Amino acid sequence: MIDLFISAFVTLFVVIDPPGCAPIYASLTTGASVQQRRSMAIRATLIAGGILIFFAMFGEALLSFLHIDLDSFRIAGGIMLFIIAIDMVFEKRTERREQRAEKIKATPEVEDVSVFPMAMPMLAGPGSIASVMLLVAKNNGLDRALVIFGALLLVLALTLAALLAAGPLMRLIGNKAEAVITRLLGVLLAALAAQFVIDGLKASFPSLG
């Protein structure tokens, strides 16, 4: 169970990327008060958590309803995560997030960023939804699902802490350190994504095993 918790935690932490979300959140809320920033951070984390838990619990049933095989989703999810990993290594993901943040800032009537873009797609995006679905589908049993949910809650708690401390955190680690961390996490995510694809291919084509 400890191995499962660590694996789920590392996967979700890398995909959700709390350190990477902090500077974006700081730039989106520059004109907000401390109370407003705190409220939006809490709201964004809760909404993202609700979305991820929903897909973790009912995502497999949704796939079944759409006649999509779980192994096909595992392969597709692994490829998606691998693309995210490449973007992280070459800093394309951060660049896109910053561009999205600039678009939001350029729209004066948009004040509350908790739902968009923070909850979706930054926290509960395609990569994190795919990850939590794959983790739960791969580990049957209520006890194992609870371990995964525990890892998810810990990642969300760290994400909330990162958002609340976004300003001081950015001053502490600096842009260069944040870029190094993002690249290292990207390499780790690439390996995890490759494992998802390998598992899906082995299940779909038993002869490969």
Protein backbone atom coordinates (compact mmCIF):
# COMPACT_ATOMS: atom_id res chain seq x y z
CA MET A 1 0.00 0.00 0.00
CA ILE A 2 2.90 2.35 0.72
CA ASP A 3 4.28 1.73 -2.77
CA LEU A 4 0.85 2.47 -4.27
CA PHE A 5 0.55 5.68 -2.25
CA ILE A 6 3.99 6.87 -3.34
CA SER A 7 3.34 5.96 -6.98
CA ALA A 8 -0.06 7.72 -7.00
CA PHE A 9 1.33 10.74 -5.17
CA VAL A 10 4.29 11.17 -7.53
CA THR A 11 2.10 10.73 -10.63
CA LEU A 12 -0.53 13.24 -9.51
CA PHE A 13 2.01 15.71 -8.12
CA VAL A 14 3.91 15.75 -11.40
CA VAL A 15 0.78 16.11 -13.54
CA ILE A 16 -1.00 18.73 -11.41
CA ASP A 17 2.35 20.47 -10.80
CA PRO A 18 1.69 22.71 -7.73
CA PRO A 19 5.04 24.57 -8.08
CA GLY A 20 4.23 25.35 -11.72
CA CYS A 21 0.72 26.60 -10.91
CA ALA A 22 1.91 28.99 -8.18
CA PRO A 23 3.53 31.64 -10.44
CA ILE A 24 0.58 31.57 -12.84
CA TYR A 25 -1.85 32.06 -9.96
CA ALA A 26 0.29 34.89 -8.61
CA SER A 27 0.16 36.67 -11.98
CA LEU A 28 -3.60 36.14 -12.34
CA THR A 29 -4.39 37.63 -8.93
CA THR A 30 -2.03 40.60 -8.79
CA GLY A 31 -4.91 43.06 -8.38
CA ALA A 32 -6.81 41.02 -5.78
CA SER A 33 -6.74 41.46 -2.03
CA VAL A 34 -5.27 38.85 0.30
CA GLN A 35 -8.77 37.67 1.24
CA GLN A 36 -9.83 37.39 -2.42
CA ARG A 37 -6.70 35.43 -3.32
CA ARG A 38 -7.30 33.06 -0.42
CA SER A 39 -10.96 32.52 -1.35
CA MET A 40 -10.19 31.88 -5.02
CA ALA A 41 -7.37 29.46 -4.15
CA ILE A 42 -9.62 27.44 -1.83
CA ARG A 43 -12.47 27.46 -4.35
CA ALA A 44 -10.22 26.40 -7.25
CA THR A 45 -8.75 23.51 -5.25
CA LEU A 46 -12.16 22.27 -4.08
CA ILE A 47 -13.66 22.41 -7.58
CA ALA A 48 -10.66 20.63 -9.11
CA GLY A 49 -10.81 18.00 -6.37
CA GLY A 50 -14.51 17.40 -7.01
CA ILE A 51 -13.90 16.97 -10.75
CA LEU A 52 -11.01 14.55 -10.24
CA ILE A 53 -12.88 12.46 -7.65
CA PHE A 54 -15.91 12.29 -9.95
CA PHE A 55 -13.84 10.93 -12.83
CA ALA A 56 -11.98 8.58 -10.51
CA MET A 57 -15.27 7.08 -9.30
CA PHE A 58 -17.36 7.15 -12.46
CA GLY A 59 -14.84 7.53 -15.29
CA GLU A 60 -14.67 3.81 -16.00
CA ALA A 61 -18.47 3.57 -16.18
CA LEU A 62 -18.48 6.55 -18.55
CA LEU A 63 -15.95 4.81 -20.79
CA SER A 64 -18.05 1.66 -20.75
CA PHE A 65 -21.12 3.67 -21.74
CA LEU A 66 -19.18 5.15 -24.65
CA HIS A 67 -17.88 1.66 -25.60
CA ILE A 68 -14.27 2.65 -25.03
CA ASP A 69 -12.00 -0.11 -23.78
CA LEU A 70 -10.06 0.71 -20.63
CA ASP A 71 -6.78 -0.42 -22.17
CA SER A 72 -7.35 1.94 -25.09
CA PHE A 73 -7.85 4.77 -22.62
CA ARG A 74 -4.71 3.67 -20.78
CA ILE A 75 -2.66 3.92 -24.00
CA ALA A 76 -4.24 7.25 -24.97
CA GLY A 77 -3.76 8.61 -21.46
CA GLY A 78 -0.11 7.53 -21.45
CA ILE A 79 0.52 9.26 -24.78
CA MET A 80 -1.21 12.40 -23.49
CA LEU A 81 0.92 12.40 -20.35
CA PHE A 82 4.06 11.85 -22.44
CA ILE A 83 3.23 14.94 -24.52
CA ILE A 84 2.75 16.92 -21.30
CA ALA A 85 6.13 15.62 -20.10
CA ILE A 86 7.84 16.78 -23.30
CA ASP A 87 6.23 20.20 -22.89
CA MET A 88 7.51 20.36 -19.30
CA VAL A 89 11.06 19.45 -20.28
CA PHE A 90 11.13 22.10 -23.02
CA GLU A 91 9.08 24.61 -20.96
CA LYS A 92 6.25 24.73 -23.50
CA ARG A 93 3.66 23.93 -20.82
CA THR A 94 4.68 26.93 -18.69
CA GLU A 95 4.68 29.14 -21.76
CA ARG A 96 1.11 28.13 -22.65
CA ARG A 97 -0.06 28.67 -19.07
CA GLU A 98 1.46 32.14 -19.07
CA GLN A 99 -0.22 32.97 -22.38
CA ARG A 100 -3.56 31.79 -20.96
CA ALA A 101 -2.98 33.91 -17.88
CA GLU A 102 -2.26 36.98 -20.03
CA LYS A 103 -5.51 36.46 -21.94
CA ILE A 104 -7.47 36.33 -18.69
CA LYS A 105 -5.73 39.43 -17.35
CA ALA A 106 -6.51 41.27 -20.61
CA THR A 107 -10.24 40.70 -20.05
CA PRO A 108 -11.32 43.20 -17.38
CA GLU A 109 -14.75 41.67 -16.74
CA VAL A 110 -13.19 38.36 -15.67
CA GLU A 111 -12.31 38.70 -11.98
CA ASP A 112 -12.81 35.28 -10.42
CA VAL A 113 -10.19 32.90 -11.84
CA SER A 114 -11.02 30.03 -9.49
CA VAL A 115 -13.13 28.05 -11.99
CA PHE A 116 -11.38 29.07 -15.21
CA PRO A 117 -8.53 28.76 -15.75
CA MET A 118 -7.37 27.53 -12.31
CA ALA A 119 -9.75 24.63 -11.52
CA MET A 120 -10.03 23.73 -15.21
CA PRO A 121 -7.85 23.22 -17.13
CA MET A 122 -4.81 24.02 -14.96
CA LEU A 123 -5.50 21.72 -11.99
CA ALA A 124 -8.14 19.31 -13.29
CA GLY A 125 -6.95 19.12 -16.88
CA PRO A 126 -6.88 16.20 -19.33
CA GLY A 127 -3.63 14.90 -17.88
CA SER A 128 -4.76 14.80 -14.25
CA ILE A 129 -8.18 13.37 -15.17
CA ALA A 130 -6.54 10.63 -17.22
CA SER A 131 -4.04 9.92 -14.44
CA VAL A 132 -6.58 9.53 -11.65
CA MET A 133 -8.82 7.36 -13.83
CA LEU A 134 -5.93 5.11 -14.82
CA LEU A 135 -4.69 4.77 -11.25
CA VAL A 136 -8.10 3.75 -9.90
CA ALA A 137 -8.83 1.41 -12.84
CA LYS A 138 -5.44 -0.26 -12.45
CA ASN A 139 -5.89 -0.87 -8.71
CA ASN A 140 -9.14 -2.66 -7.95
CA GLY A 141 -10.58 -2.72 -4.45
CA LEU A 142 -11.96 -0.12 -2.04
CA ASP A 143 -8.84 -0.10 0.13
CA ARG A 144 -6.55 0.63 -2.84
CA ALA A 145 -8.93 3.30 -4.15
CA LEU A 146 -8.88 4.99 -0.73
CA VAL A 147 -5.07 5.01 -0.82
CA ILE A 148 -5.19 6.75 -4.23
CA PHE A 149 -7.75 9.26 -2.94
CA GLY A 150 -5.47 9.90 0.03
CA ALA A 151 -2.59 10.66 -2.33
CA LEU A 152 -4.87 12.93 -4.38
CA LEU A 153 -5.98 14.83 -1.27
CA LEU A 154 -2.36 15.32 -0.20
CA VAL A 155 -1.44 16.67 -3.64
CA LEU A 156 -4.45 19.00 -3.56
CA ALA A 157 -3.48 20.17 -0.06
CA LEU A 158 0.04 20.94 -1.31
CA THR A 159 -1.47 22.69 -4.34
CA LEU A 160 -3.63 24.86 -2.09
CA ALA A 161 -0.58 25.68 0.03
CA ALA A 162 1.37 26.61 -3.11
CA LEU A 163 -1.43 28.87 -4.34
CA LEU A 164 -1.82 30.57 -0.95
CA ALA A 165 1.93 31.15 -0.76
CA ALA A 166 2.32 31.91 -4.48
CA GLY A 167 3.84 35.38 -4.08
CA PRO A 168 6.38 34.59 -1.32
CA LEU A 169 7.11 31.20 -2.93
CA MET A 170 8.10 32.77 -6.23
CA ARG A 171 10.38 35.23 -4.47
CA LEU A 172 11.96 32.34 -2.56
CA ILE A 173 12.70 29.82 -5.32
CA GLY A 174 13.07 32.20 -8.26
CA ASN A 175 12.34 31.57 -11.93
CA LYS A 176 15.52 29.56 -12.62
CA ALA A 177 14.95 27.10 -9.77
CA GLU A 178 11.32 26.67 -10.83
CA ALA A 179 12.44 25.87 -14.39
CA VAL A 180 14.90 23.22 -13.15
CA ILE A 181 12.23 21.58 -10.96
CA THR A 182 9.76 21.55 -13.86
CA ARG A 183 12.28 19.84 -16.17
CA LEU A 184 13.13 17.17 -13.60
CA LEU A 185 9.44 16.45 -13.00
CA GLY A 186 8.93 16.27 -16.76
CA VAL A 187 11.54 13.52 -17.14
CA LEU A 188 9.90 11.56 -14.31
CA LEU A 189 6.45 11.99 -15.86
CA ALA A 190 7.76 10.75 -19.23
CA ALA A 191 8.85 7.48 -17.60
CA LEU A 192 5.49 7.08 -15.85
CA ALA A 193 3.64 7.82 -19.11
CA ALA A 194 5.70 5.21 -20.95
CA GLN A 195 4.75 2.65 -18.29
CA PHE A 196 1.04 3.42 -18.82
CA VAL A 197 1.43 2.80 -22.57
CA ILE A 198 3.40 -0.42 -22.00
CA ASP A 199 0.75 -1.74 -19.59
CA GLY A 200 -2.02 -0.91 -22.06
CA LEU A 201 -0.23 -2.58 -24.96
CA LYS A 202 0.50 -5.71 -22.91
CA ALA A 203 -3.17 -5.99 -21.90
CA SER A 204 -4.39 -5.40 -25.46
CA PHE A 205 -1.81 -7.68 -27.06
CA PRO A 206 -0.95 -10.49 -24.61
CA SER A 207 1.64 -11.86 -27.04
CA LEU A 208 3.79 -8.77 -26.33
CA GLY A 209 4.21 -9.86 -22.72
